[in-house]
Amino acid sequence: MAGQNDSGGSEKKSGDLISELPMFNVENMQNNVKSIYYSRTFMSIIGGVIAGILGFTSLAGFVFYFLIMVLTSVGLTAKAGFSIHSYFDSWNRIMIDGIFGGLLSFVLFWAFAYDLVHIF
């Protein structure tokens, strides 16, 4: 019985199908995800200090935070050589994961820097 192609030379064997499946090393994947979380946390702290020094209040500070997170996502994508699927299982890992995880750190350092510069 033949598949879609009747020519014998172009049939795919089960070994060829297995070699086409993407293979990920779980240890490397976990290390990459950890580095994303560390990068986002670091950028949240730095962004909070900058927002506090610049005197952002209310909505402007949160817009600044999301701008910092977009720039961090672009930077991480550039670091991966714009080939996300070589290092992660989906693009959500590098673009969306961990955005809200650093929000509390951002607010803490934002308020601290704002108090130091503008109140005291």
PDB file of N, CA and C in Angstrom:
ATOM      1  N   MET A   1       0.832  -1.173   0.000  1.00  0.00           N
ATOM      2  CA  MET A   1       0.000   0.000   0.000  1.00  0.00           C
ATOM      3  C   MET A   1       0.881   1.242   0.000  1.00  0.00           C
ATOM      4  N   ALA A   2       0.585   2.186  -0.830  1.00  0.00           N
ATOM      5  CA  ALA A   2       1.397   3.398  -0.939  1.00  0.00           C
ATOM      6  C   ALA A   2       0.701   4.559  -0.255  1.00  0.00           C
ATOM      7  N   GLY A   3       1.512   5.533   0.106  1.00  0.00           N
ATOM      8  CA  GLY A   3       0.972   6.737   0.754  1.00  0.00           C
ATOM      9  C   GLY A   3       0.495   7.723  -0.275  1.00  0.00           C
ATOM     10  N   GLN A   4       0.724   8.980  -0.023  1.00  0.00           N
ATOM     11  CA  GLN A   4       0.280  10.016  -0.956  1.00  0.00           C
ATOM     12  C   GLN A   4       1.105  10.017  -2.223  1.00  0.00           C
ATOM     13  N   ASN A   5       2.377   9.678  -2.112  1.00  0.00           N
ATOM     14  CA  ASN A   5       3.249   9.606  -3.273  1.00  0.00           C
ATOM     15  C   ASN A   5       3.495   8.150  -3.617  1.00  0.00           C
ATOM     16  N   ASP A   6       3.342   7.797  -4.854  1.00  0.00           N
ATOM     17  CA  ASP A   6       3.552   6.417  -5.248  1.00  0.00           C
ATOM     18  C   ASP A   6       5.013   6.116  -5.532  1.00  0.00           C
ATOM     19  N   SER A   7       5.847   7.110  -5.649  1.00  0.00           N
ATOM     20  CA  SER A   7       7.257   6.848  -5.937  1.00  0.00           C
ATOM     21  C   SER A   7       7.938   6.345  -4.673  1.00  0.00           C
ATOM     22  N   GLY A   8       8.678   5.289  -4.785  1.00  0.00           N
ATOM     23  CA  GLY A   8       9.309   4.645  -3.640  1.00  0.00           C
ATOM     24  C   GLY A   8      10.410   5.482  -3.020  1.00  0.00           C
ATOM     25  N   GLY A   9      11.068   6.346  -3.790  1.00  0.00           N
ATOM     26  CA  GLY A   9      12.193   7.121  -3.278  1.00  0.00           C
ATOM     27  C   GLY A   9      11.784   8.251  -2.347  1.00  0.00           C
ATOM     28  N   SER A  10      10.566   8.719  -2.435  1.00  0.00           N
ATOM     29  CA  SER A  10      10.175   9.874  -1.628  1.00  0.00           C
ATOM     30  C   SER A  10       9.342   9.503  -0.411  1.00  0.00           C
ATOM     31  N   GLU A  11       9.168   8.196  -0.158  1.00  0.00           N
ATOM     32  CA  GLU A  11       8.422   7.788   1.029  1.00  0.00           C
ATOM     33  C   GLU A  11       9.260   8.032   2.263  1.00  0.00           C
ATOM     34  N   LYS A  12       8.602   8.428   3.343  1.00  0.00           N
ATOM     35  CA  LYS A  12       9.312   8.682   4.583  1.00  0.00           C
ATOM     36  C   LYS A  12       9.213   7.470   5.482  1.00  0.00           C
ATOM     37  N   LYS A  13      10.306   7.123   6.058  1.00  0.00           N
ATOM     38  CA  LYS A  13      10.341   6.010   6.989  1.00  0.00           C
ATOM     39  C   LYS A  13      10.062   6.540   8.384  1.00  0.00           C
ATOM     40  N   SER A  14       9.765   5.637   9.298  1.00  0.00           N
ATOM     41  CA  SER A  14       9.461   6.057  10.665  1.00  0.00           C
ATOM     42  C   SER A  14      10.681   6.692  11.323  1.00  0.00           C
ATOM     43  N   GLY A  15      11.876   6.306  10.952  1.00  0.00           N
ATOM     44  CA  GLY A  15      13.099   6.910  11.487  1.00  0.00           C
ATOM     45  C   GLY A  15      13.238   8.361  11.057  1.00  0.00           C
ATOM     46  N   ASP A  16      12.814   8.673   9.824  1.00  0.00           N
ATOM     47  CA  ASP A  16      12.863  10.042   9.340  1.00  0.00           C
ATOM     48  C   ASP A  16      11.860  10.926  10.072  1.00  0.00           C
ATOM     49  N   LEU A  17      10.698  10.376  10.392  1.00  0.00           N
ATOM     50  CA  LEU A  17       9.693  11.152  11.113  1.00  0.00           C
ATOM     51  C   LEU A  17      10.156  11.492  12.518  1.00  0.00           C
ATOM     52  N   ILE A  18      10.852  10.576  13.148  1.00  0.00           N
ATOM     53  CA  ILE A  18      11.359  10.828  14.496  1.00  0.00           C
ATOM     54  C   ILE A  18      12.438  11.900  14.472  1.00  0.00           C
ATOM     55  N   SER A  19      13.261  11.905  13.442  1.00  0.00           N
ATOM     56  CA  SER A  19      14.332  12.903  13.376  1.00  0.00           C
ATOM     57  C   SER A  19      13.794  14.303  13.098  1.00  0.00           C
ATOM     58  N   GLU A  20      12.569  14.428  12.589  1.00  0.00           N
ATOM     59  CA  GLU A  20      11.979  15.741  12.330  1.00  0.00           C
ATOM     60  C   GLU A  20      11.333  16.356  13.564  1.00  0.00           C
ATOM     61  N   LEU A  21      11.091  15.578  14.607  1.00  0.00           N
ATOM     62  CA  LEU A  21      10.488  16.103  15.824  1.00  0.00           C
ATOM     63  C   LEU A  21      11.486  16.978  16.564  1.00  0.00           C
ATOM     64  N   PRO A  22      11.050  18.126  17.081  1.00  0.00           N
ATOM     65  CA  PRO A  22      11.977  18.962  17.843  1.00  0.00           C
ATOM     66  C   PRO A  22      12.304  18.292  19.175  1.00  0.00           C
ATOM     67  N   MET A  23      13.563  18.311  19.532  1.00  0.00           N
ATOM     68  CA  MET A  23      13.993  17.700  20.791  1.00  0.00           C
ATOM     69  C   MET A  23      14.583  18.785  21.672  1.00  0.00           C
ATOM     70  N   PHE A  24      14.146  18.813  22.931  1.00  0.00           N
ATOM     71  CA  PHE A  24      14.624  19.793  23.881  1.00  0.00           C
ATOM     72  C   PHE A  24      15.277  19.083  25.057  1.00  0.00           C
ATOM     73  N   ASN A  25      16.355  19.659  25.527  1.00  0.00           N
ATOM     74  CA  ASN A  25      16.977  19.186  26.747  1.00  0.00           C
ATOM     75  C   ASN A  25      16.298  19.910  27.907  1.00  0.00           C
ATOM     76  N   VAL A  26      15.692  19.162  28.811  1.00  0.00           N
ATOM     77  CA  VAL A  26      14.900  19.746  29.890  1.00  0.00           C
ATOM     78  C   VAL A  26      15.766  20.617  30.795  1.00  0.00           C
ATOM     79  N   GLU A  27      16.969  20.186  31.061  1.00  0.00           N
ATOM     80  CA  GLU A  27      17.870  20.950  31.921  1.00  0.00           C
ATOM     81  C   GLU A  27      18.207  22.306  31.307  1.00  0.00           C
ATOM     82  N   ASN A  28      18.500  22.316  30.019  1.00  0.00           N
ATOM     83  CA  ASN A  28      18.791  23.574  29.328  1.00  0.00           C
ATOM     84  C   ASN A  28      17.565  24.474  29.277  1.00  0.00           C
ATOM     85  N   MET A  29      16.402  23.875  29.066  1.00  0.00           N
ATOM     86  CA  MET A  29      15.161  24.651  29.016  1.00  0.00           C
ATOM     87  C   MET A  29      14.894  25.316  30.360  1.00  0.00           C
ATOM     88  N   GLN A  30      15.078  24.581  31.459  1.00  0.00           N
ATOM     89  CA  GLN A  30      14.872  25.154  32.785  1.00  0.00           C
ATOM     90  C   GLN A  30      15.872  26.265  33.062  1.00  0.00           C
ATOM     91  N   ASN A  31      17.090  26.091  32.620  1.00  0.00           N
ATOM     92  CA  ASN A  31      18.104  27.127  32.798  1.00  0.00           C
ATOM     93  C   ASN A  31      17.742  28.384  32.007  1.00  0.00           C
ATOM     94  N   ASN A  32      17.228  28.217  30.808  1.00  0.00           N
ATOM     95  CA  ASN A  32      16.811  29.368  30.001  1.00  0.00           C
ATOM     96  C   ASN A  32      15.646  30.109  30.636  1.00  0.00           C
ATOM     97  N   VAL A  33      14.680  29.376  31.182  1.00  0.00           N
ATOM     98  CA  VAL A  33      13.529  29.999  31.833  1.00  0.00           C
ATOM     99  C   VAL A  33      13.966  30.738  33.097  1.00  0.00           C
ATOM    100  N   LYS A  34      14.900  30.146  33.848  1.00  0.00           N
ATOM    101  CA  LYS A  34      15.430  30.828  35.033  1.00  0.00           C
ATOM    102  C   LYS A  34      16.116  32.130  34.656  1.00  0.00           C
ATOM    103  N   SER A  35      16.870  32.115  33.581  1.00  0.00           N
ATOM    104  CA  SER A  35      17.568  33.332  33.170  1.00  0.00           C
ATOM    105  C   SER A  35      16.578  34.413  32.735  1.00  0.00           C
ATOM    106  N   ILE A  36      15.437  34.013  32.174  1.00  0.00           N
ATOM    107  CA  ILE A  36      14.406  34.992  31.833  1.00  0.00           C
ATOM    108  C   ILE A  36      13.845  35.626  33.099  1.00  0.00           C
ATOM    109  N   TYR A  37      13.540  34.810  34.106  1.00  0.00           N
ATOM    110  CA  TYR A  37      12.993  35.345  35.349  1.00  0.00           C
ATOM    111  C   TYR A  37      13.996  36.248  36.054  1.00  0.00           C
ATOM    112  N   TYR A  38      15.275  35.862  36.068  1.00  0.00           N
ATOM    113  CA  TYR A  38      16.294  36.698  36.690  1.00  0.00           C
ATOM    114  C   TYR A  38      16.440  38.024  35.940  1.00  0.00           C
ATOM    115  N   SER A  39      16.411  37.964  34.626  1.00  0.00           N
ATOM    116  CA  SER A  39      16.528  39.188  33.828  1.00  0.00           C
ATOM    117  C   SER A  39      15.341  40.116  34.062  1.00  0.00           C
ATOM    118  N   ARG A  40      14.151  39.551  34.101  1.00  0.00           N
ATOM    119  CA  ARG A  40      12.960  40.369  34.338  1.00  0.00           C
ATOM    120  C   ARG A  40      12.965  40.973  35.742  1.00  0.00           C
ATOM    121  N   THR A  41      13.414  40.217  36.746  1.00  0.00           N
ATOM    122  CA  THR A  41      13.475  40.740  38.103  1.00  0.00           C
ATOM    123  C   THR A  41      14.503  41.865  38.193  1.00  0.00           C
ATOM    124  N   PHE A  42      15.651  41.670  37.590  1.00  0.00           N
ATOM    125  CA  PHE A  42      16.679  42.702  37.586  1.00  0.00           C
ATOM    126  C   PHE A  42      16.191  43.967  36.890  1.00  0.00           C
ATOM    127  N   MET A  43      15.561  43.806  35.733  1.00  0.00           N
ATOM    128  CA  MET A  43      15.057  44.973  35.004  1.00  0.00           C
ATOM    129  C   MET A  43      13.907  45.650  35.756  1.00  0.00           C
ATOM    130  N   SER A  44      13.135  44.879  36.519  1.00  0.00           N
ATOM    131  CA  SER A  44      12.079  45.468  37.340  1.00  0.00           C
ATOM    132  C   SER A  44      12.673  46.354  38.424  1.00  0.00           C
ATOM    133  N   ILE A  45      13.738  45.893  39.056  1.00  0.00           N
ATOM    134  CA  ILE A  45      14.382  46.684  40.103  1.00  0.00           C
ATOM    135  C   ILE A  45      14.999  47.944  39.520  1.00  0.00           C
ATOM    136  N   ILE A  46      15.733  47.800  38.428  1.00  0.00           N
ATOM    137  CA  ILE A  46      16.353  48.963  37.789  1.00  0.00           C
ATOM    138  C   ILE A  46      15.282  49.930  37.287  1.00  0.00           C
ATOM    139  N   GLY A  47      14.226  49.403  36.685  1.00  0.00           N
ATOM    140  CA  GLY A  47      13.134  50.252  36.198  1.00  0.00           C
ATOM    141  C   GLY A  47      12.429  50.974  37.327  1.00  0.00           C
ATOM    142  N   GLY A  48      12.253  50.309  38.477  1.00  0.00           N
ATOM    143  CA  GLY A  48      11.631  50.945  39.632  1.00  0.00           C
ATOM    144  C   GLY A  48      12.455  52.100  40.159  1.00  0.00           C
ATOM    145  N   VAL A  49      13.764  51.904  40.221  1.00  0.00           N
ATOM    146  CA  VAL A  49      14.647  52.979  40.678  1.00  0.00           C
ATOM    147  C   VAL A  49      14.606  54.154  39.705  1.00  0.00           C
ATOM    148  N   ILE A  50      14.637  53.871  38.418  1.00  0.00           N
ATOM    149  CA  ILE A  50      14.591  54.945  37.414  1.00  0.00           C
ATOM    150  C   ILE A  50      13.256  55.677  37.471  1.00  0.00           C
ATOM    151  N   ALA A  51      12.158  54.933  37.601  1.00  0.00           N
ATOM    152  CA  ALA A  51      10.834  55.567  37.679  1.00  0.00           C
ATOM    153  C   ALA A  51      10.728  56.445  38.931  1.00  0.00           C
ATOM    154  N   GLY A  52      11.298  56.001  40.041  1.00  0.00           N
ATOM    155  CA  GLY A  52      11.280  56.799  41.257  1.00  0.00           C
ATOM    156  C   GLY A  52      12.114  58.061  41.139  1.00  0.00           C
ATOM    157  N   ILE A  53      13.291  57.944  40.534  1.00  0.00           N
ATOM    158  CA  ILE A  53      14.159  59.107  40.367  1.00  0.00           C
ATOM    159  C   ILE A  53      13.533  60.115  39.413  1.00  0.00           C
ATOM    160  N   LEU A  54      12.908  59.632  38.354  1.00  0.00           N
ATOM    161  CA  LEU A  54      12.267  60.540  37.394  1.00  0.00           C
ATOM    162  C   LEU A  54      10.969  61.139  37.932  1.00  0.00           C
ATOM    163  N   GLY A  55      10.452  60.591  39.022  1.00  0.00           N
ATOM    164  CA  GLY A  55       9.263  61.156  39.654  1.00  0.00           C
ATOM    165  C   GLY A  55       7.948  60.727  39.044  1.00  0.00           C
ATOM    166  N   PHE A  56       7.924  59.571  38.417  1.00  0.00           N
ATOM    167  CA  PHE A  56       6.664  59.084  37.854  1.00  0.00           C
ATOM    168  C   PHE A  56       5.691  58.754  38.980  1.00  0.00           C
ATOM    169  N   THR A  57       4.436  59.085  38.790  1.00  0.00           N
ATOM    170  CA  THR A  57       3.398  58.746  39.756  1.00  0.00           C
ATOM    171  C   THR A  57       2.237  58.085  39.038  1.00  0.00           C
ATOM    172  N   SER A  58       1.479  57.330  39.757  1.00  0.00           N
ATOM    173  CA  SER A  58       0.254  56.634  39.335  1.00  0.00           C
ATOM    174  C   SER A  58       0.424  55.882  38.017  1.00  0.00           C
ATOM    175  N   LEU A  59      -0.397  56.186  37.041  1.00  0.00           N
ATOM    176  CA  LEU A  59      -0.452  55.420  35.799  1.00  0.00           C
ATOM    177  C   LEU A  59       0.843  55.519  34.988  1.00  0.00           C
ATOM    178  N   ALA A  60       1.509  56.655  35.062  1.00  0.00           N
ATOM    179  CA  ALA A  60       2.749  56.826  34.292  1.00  0.00           C
ATOM    180  C   ALA A  60       3.812  55.818  34.725  1.00  0.00           C
ATOM    181  N   GLY A  61       3.864  55.501  36.015  1.00  0.00           N
ATOM    182  CA  GLY A  61       4.822  54.519  36.499  1.00  0.00           C
ATOM    183  C   GLY A  61       4.537  53.126  35.987  1.00  0.00           C
ATOM    184  N   PHE A  62       3.270  52.744  35.951  1.00  0.00           N
ATOM    185  CA  PHE A  62       2.916  51.414  35.465  1.00  0.00           C
ATOM    186  C   PHE A  62       3.108  51.298  33.954  1.00  0.00           C
ATOM    187  N   VAL A  63       2.849  52.368  33.232  1.00  0.00           N
ATOM    188  CA  VAL A  63       3.122  52.369  31.785  1.00  0.00           C
ATOM    189  C   VAL A  63       4.623  52.218  31.553  1.00  0.00           C
ATOM    190  N   PHE A  64       5.412  52.903  32.384  1.00  0.00           N
ATOM    191  CA  PHE A  64       6.868  52.781  32.290  1.00  0.00           C
ATOM    192  C   PHE A  64       7.312  51.341  32.554  1.00  0.00           C
ATOM    193  N   TYR A  65       6.690  50.691  33.535  1.00  0.00           N
ATOM    194  CA  TYR A  65       7.029  49.292  33.841  1.00  0.00           C
ATOM    195  C   TYR A  65       6.766  48.398  32.642  1.00  0.00           C
ATOM    196  N   PHE A  66       5.607  48.531  32.016  1.00  0.00           N
ATOM    197  CA  PHE A  66       5.297  47.668  30.876  1.00  0.00           C
ATOM    198  C   PHE A  66       6.182  48.000  29.674  1.00  0.00           C
ATOM    199  N   LEU A  67       6.592  49.241  29.543  1.00  0.00           N
ATOM    200  CA  LEU A  67       7.547  49.602  28.503  1.00  0.00           C
ATOM    201  C   LEU A  67       8.896  48.926  28.757  1.00  0.00           C
ATOM    202  N   ILE A  68       9.325  48.914  30.013  1.00  0.00           N
ATOM    203  CA  ILE A  68      10.569  48.230  30.371  1.00  0.00           C
ATOM    204  C   ILE A  68      10.465  46.727  30.070  1.00  0.00           C
ATOM    205  N   MET A  69       9.312  46.125  30.356  1.00  0.00           N
ATOM    206  CA  MET A  69       9.141  44.697  30.101  1.00  0.00           C
ATOM    207  C   MET A  69       9.126  44.387  28.604  1.00  0.00           C
ATOM    208  N   VAL A  70       8.563  45.279  27.802  1.00  0.00           N
ATOM    209  CA  VAL A  70       8.592  45.086  26.341  1.00  0.00           C
ATOM    210  C   VAL A  70      10.031  45.171  25.841  1.00  0.00           C
ATOM    211  N   LEU A  71      10.786  46.143  26.348  1.00  0.00           N
ATOM    212  CA  LEU A  71      12.186  46.264  25.948  1.00  0.00           C
ATOM    213  C   LEU A  71      12.998  45.056  26.406  1.00  0.00           C
ATOM    214  N   THR A  72      12.680  44.527  27.579  1.00  0.00           N
ATOM    215  CA  THR A  72      13.354  43.325  28.059  1.00  0.00           C
ATOM    216  C   THR A  72      13.038  42.135  27.158  1.00  0.00           C
ATOM    217  N   SER A  73      11.782  41.996  26.740  1.00  0.00           N
ATOM    218  CA  SER A  73      11.404  40.897  25.836  1.00  0.00           C
ATOM    219  C   SER A  73      12.131  41.004  24.508  1.00  0.00           C
ATOM    220  N   VAL A  74      12.232  42.209  23.983  1.00  0.00           N
ATOM    221  CA  VAL A  74      12.944  42.408  22.716  1.00  0.00           C
ATOM    222  C   VAL A  74      14.430  42.093  22.900  1.00  0.00           C
ATOM    223  N   GLY A  75      14.992  42.512  24.018  1.00  0.00           N
ATOM    224  CA  GLY A  75      16.399  42.227  24.292  1.00  0.00           C
ATOM    225  C   GLY A  75      16.674  40.740  24.440  1.00  0.00           C
ATOM    226  N   LEU A  76      15.782  40.030  25.124  1.00  0.00           N
ATOM    227  CA  LEU A  76      15.950  38.588  25.275  1.00  0.00           C
ATOM    228  C   LEU A  76      15.794  37.864  23.941  1.00  0.00           C
ATOM    229  N   THR A  77      14.883  38.351  23.118  1.00  0.00           N
ATOM    230  CA  THR A  77      14.708  37.769  21.787  1.00  0.00           C
ATOM    231  C   THR A  77      15.948  38.002  20.934  1.00  0.00           C
ATOM    232  N   ALA A  78      16.524  39.198  21.029  1.00  0.00           N
ATOM    233  CA  ALA A  78      17.752  39.489  20.287  1.00  0.00           C
ATOM    234  C   ALA A  78      18.900  38.637  20.806  1.00  0.00           C
ATOM    235  N   LYS A  79      18.947  38.425  22.118  1.00  0.00           N
ATOM    236  CA  LYS A  79      19.991  37.575  22.696  1.00  0.00           C
ATOM    237  C   LYS A  79      19.875  36.136  22.194  1.00  0.00           C
ATOM    238  N   ALA A  80      18.641  35.691  21.950  1.00  0.00           N
ATOM    239  CA  ALA A  80      18.417  34.351  21.417  1.00  0.00           C
ATOM    240  C   ALA A  80      18.625  34.294  19.908  1.00  0.00           C
ATOM    241  N   GLY A  81      19.032  35.397  19.320  1.00  0.00           N
ATOM    242  CA  GLY A  81      19.284  35.415  17.881  1.00  0.00           C
ATOM    243  C   GLY A  81      18.014  35.372  17.062  1.00  0.00           C
ATOM    244  N   PHE A  82      16.910  35.838  17.624  1.00  0.00           N
ATOM    245  CA  PHE A  82      15.599  35.870  16.983  1.00  0.00           C
ATOM    246  C   PHE A  82      15.130  34.490  16.540  1.00  0.00           C
ATOM    247  N   SER A  83      15.705  33.434  17.101  1.00  0.00           N
ATOM    248  CA  SER A  83      15.219  32.086  16.836  1.00  0.00           C
ATOM    249  C   SER A  83      14.781  31.496  18.171  1.00  0.00           C
ATOM    250  N   ILE A  84      13.591  31.874  18.581  1.00  0.00           N
ATOM    251  CA  ILE A  84      13.065  31.513  19.889  1.00  0.00           C
ATOM    252  C   ILE A  84      12.884  30.003  20.018  1.00  0.00           C
ATOM    253  N   HIS A  85      12.482  29.359  18.965  1.00  0.00           N
ATOM    254  CA  HIS A  85      12.182  27.929  19.044  1.00  0.00           C
ATOM    255  C   HIS A  85      13.434  27.064  19.181  1.00  0.00           C
ATOM    256  N   SER A  86      14.605  27.651  19.057  1.00  0.00           N
ATOM    257  CA  SER A  86      15.832  26.896  19.313  1.00  0.00           C
ATOM    258  C   SER A  86      16.119  26.764  20.801  1.00  0.00           C
ATOM    259  N   TYR A  87      15.579  27.689  21.606  1.00  0.00           N
ATOM    260  CA  TYR A  87      15.882  27.732  23.032  1.00  0.00           C
ATOM    261  C   TYR A  87      14.667  27.503  23.933  1.00  0.00           C
ATOM    262  N   PHE A  88      13.473  27.720  23.400  1.00  0.00           N
ATOM    263  CA  PHE A  88      12.251  27.608  24.195  1.00  0.00           C
ATOM    264  C   PHE A  88      11.215  26.814  23.417  1.00  0.00           C
ATOM    265  N   ASP A  89      10.240  26.262  24.152  1.00  0.00           N
ATOM    266  CA  ASP A  89       9.214  25.468  23.482  1.00  0.00           C
ATOM    267  C   ASP A  89       8.149  26.322  22.808  1.00  0.00           C
ATOM    268  N   SER A  90       7.970  27.574  23.259  1.00  0.00           N
ATOM    269  CA  SER A  90       7.022  28.476  22.598  1.00  0.00           C
ATOM    270  C   SER A  90       7.463  29.919  22.784  1.00  0.00           C
ATOM    271  N   TRP A  91       6.931  30.793  21.986  1.00  0.00           N
ATOM    272  CA  TRP A  91       7.310  32.202  22.071  1.00  0.00           C
ATOM    273  C   TRP A  91       6.749  32.862  23.325  1.00  0.00           C
ATOM    274  N   ASN A  92       5.721  32.267  23.952  1.00  0.00           N
ATOM    275  CA  ASN A  92       5.155  32.823  25.180  1.00  0.00           C
ATOM    276  C   ASN A  92       6.172  32.850  26.312  1.00  0.00           C
ATOM    277  N   ARG A  93       7.094  31.908  26.316  1.00  0.00           N
ATOM    278  CA  ARG A  93       8.111  31.858  27.375  1.00  0.00           C
ATOM    279  C   ARG A  93       8.922  33.132  27.423  1.00  0.00           C
ATOM    280  N   ILE A  94       9.309  33.630  26.281  1.00  0.00           N
ATOM    281  CA  ILE A  94      10.201  34.781  26.258  1.00  0.00           C
ATOM    282  C   ILE A  94       9.438  36.106  26.210  1.00  0.00           C
ATOM    283  N   MET A  95       8.214  36.086  25.707  1.00  0.00           N
ATOM    284  CA  MET A  95       7.466  37.330  25.569  1.00  0.00           C
ATOM    285  C   MET A  95       6.567  37.647  26.762  1.00  0.00           C
ATOM    286  N   ILE A  96       5.939  36.652  27.346  1.00  0.00           N
ATOM    287  CA  ILE A  96       4.896  36.917  28.344  1.00  0.00           C
ATOM    288  C   ILE A  96       5.250  36.413  29.738  1.00  0.00           C
ATOM    289  N   ASP A  97       5.898  35.270  29.850  1.00  0.00           N
ATOM    290  CA  ASP A  97       6.161  34.677  31.165  1.00  0.00           C
ATOM    291  C   ASP A  97       6.973  35.610  32.052  1.00  0.00           C
ATOM    292  N   GLY A  98       6.514  35.776  33.268  1.00  0.00           N
ATOM    293  CA  GLY A  98       7.252  36.542  34.259  1.00  0.00           C
ATOM    294  C   GLY A  98       7.038  38.034  34.238  1.00  0.00           C
ATOM    295  N   ILE A  99       6.139  38.519  33.393  1.00  0.00           N
ATOM    296  CA  ILE A  99       5.923  39.973  33.332  1.00  0.00           C
ATOM    297  C   ILE A  99       5.331  40.484  34.641  1.00  0.00           C
ATOM    298  N   PHE A 100       4.376  39.757  35.192  1.00  0.00           N
ATOM    299  CA  PHE A 100       3.754  40.219  36.431  1.00  0.00           C
ATOM    300  C   PHE A 100       4.532  39.774  37.668  1.00  0.00           C
ATOM    301  N   GLY A 101       5.496  38.891  37.504  1.00  0.00           N
ATOM    302  CA  GLY A 101       6.299  38.434  38.627  1.00  0.00           C
ATOM    303  C   GLY A 101       7.187  39.518  39.201  1.00  0.00           C
ATOM    304  N   GLY A 102       7.666  40.416  38.375  1.00  0.00           N
ATOM    305  CA  GLY A 102       8.543  41.490  38.831  1.00  0.00           C
ATOM    306  C   GLY A 102       7.811  42.760  39.204  1.00  0.00           C
ATOM    307  N   LEU A 103       6.492  42.749  39.109  1.00  0.00           N
ATOM    308  CA  LEU A 103       5.720  43.962  39.373  1.00  0.00           C
ATOM    309  C   LEU A 103       5.860  44.424  40.818  1.00  0.00           C
ATOM    310  N   LEU A 104       5.858  43.495  41.771  1.00  0.00           N
ATOM    311  CA  LEU A 104       5.994  43.882  43.169  1.00  0.00           C
ATOM    312  C   LEU A 104       7.380  44.452  43.463  1.00  0.00           C
ATOM    313  N   SER A 105       8.405  43.882  42.859  1.00  0.00           N
ATOM    314  CA  SER A 105       9.754  44.433  43.018  1.00  0.00           C
ATOM    315  C   SER A 105       9.838  45.823  42.422  1.00  0.00           C
ATOM    316  N   PHE A 106       9.204  46.007  41.271  1.00  0.00           N
ATOM    317  CA  PHE A 106       9.182  47.325  40.643  1.00  0.00           C
ATOM    318  C   PHE A 106       8.531  48.355  41.561  1.00  0.00           C
ATOM    319  N   VAL A 107       7.369  48.029  42.103  1.00  0.00           N
ATOM    320  CA  VAL A 107       6.644  48.966  42.967  1.00  0.00           C
ATOM    321  C   VAL A 107       7.451  49.273  44.225  1.00  0.00           C
ATOM    322  N   LEU A 108       8.087  48.277  44.803  1.00  0.00           N
ATOM    323  CA  LEU A 108       8.896  48.479  46.005  1.00  0.00           C
ATOM    324  C   LEU A 108      10.029  49.461  45.749  1.00  0.00           C
ATOM    325  N   PHE A 109      10.800  49.234  44.699  1.00  0.00           N
ATOM    326  CA  PHE A 109      11.936  50.105  44.414  1.00  0.00           C
ATOM    327  C   PHE A 109      11.502  51.448  43.841  1.00  0.00           C
ATOM    328  N   TRP A 110      10.368  51.487  43.182  1.00  0.00           N
ATOM    329  CA  TRP A 110       9.807  52.733  42.682  1.00  0.00           C
ATOM    330  C   TRP A 110       9.458  53.644  43.853  1.00  0.00           C
ATOM    331  N   ALA A 111       8.737  53.107  44.821  1.00  0.00           N
ATOM    332  CA  ALA A 111       8.348  53.892  45.994  1.00  0.00           C
ATOM    333  C   ALA A 111       9.571  54.292  46.815  1.00  0.00           C
ATOM    334  N   PHE A 112      10.531  53.384  46.962  1.00  0.00           N
ATOM    335  CA  PHE A 112      11.737  53.675  47.738  1.00  0.00           C
ATOM    336  C   PHE A 112      12.543  54.806  47.100  1.00  0.00           C
ATOM    337  N   ALA A 113      12.783  54.716  45.808  1.00  0.00           N
ATOM    338  CA  ALA A 113      13.567  55.746  45.116  1.00  0.00           C
ATOM    339  C   ALA A 113      12.801  57.062  45.075  1.00  0.00           C
ATOM    340  N   TYR A 114      11.491  57.004  44.881  1.00  0.00           N
ATOM    341  CA  TYR A 114      10.700  58.235  44.864  1.00  0.00           C
ATOM    342  C   TYR A 114      10.764  58.926  46.232  1.00  0.00           C
ATOM    343  N   ASP A 115      10.654  58.156  47.306  1.00  0.00           N
ATOM    344  CA  ASP A 115      10.729  58.722  48.648  1.00  0.00           C
ATOM    345  C   ASP A 115      12.103  59.343  48.916  1.00  0.00           C
ATOM    346  N   LEU A 116      13.148  58.673  48.523  1.00  0.00           N
ATOM    347  CA  LEU A 116      14.491  59.187  48.764  1.00  0.00           C
ATOM    348  C   LEU A 116      14.755  60.488  48.013  1.00  0.00           C
ATOM    349  N   VAL A 117      14.315  60.552  46.781  1.00  0.00           N
ATOM    350  CA  VAL A 117      14.650  61.704  45.939  1.00  0.00           C
ATOM    351  C   VAL A 117      13.675  62.855  46.131  1.00  0.00           C
ATOM    352  N   HIS A 118      12.380  62.591  46.190  1.00  0.00           N
ATOM    353  CA  HIS A 118      11.400  63.665  46.140  1.00  0.00           C
ATOM    354  C   HIS A 118      10.792  64.042  47.490  1.00  0.00           C
ATOM    355  N   ILE A 119      10.861  63.171  48.478  1.00  0.00           N
ATOM    356  CA  ILE A 119      10.241  63.485  49.758  1.00  0.00           C
ATOM    357  C   ILE A 119      11.297  63.900  50.784  1.00  0.00           C
ATOM    358  N   PHE A 120      12.391  63.152  50.883  1.00  0.00           N
ATOM    359  CA  PHE A 120      13.399  63.461  51.900  1.00  0.00           C
ATOM    360  C   PHE A 120      14.374  64.439  51.411  1.00  0.00           C
TER     361      PHE A 120
END
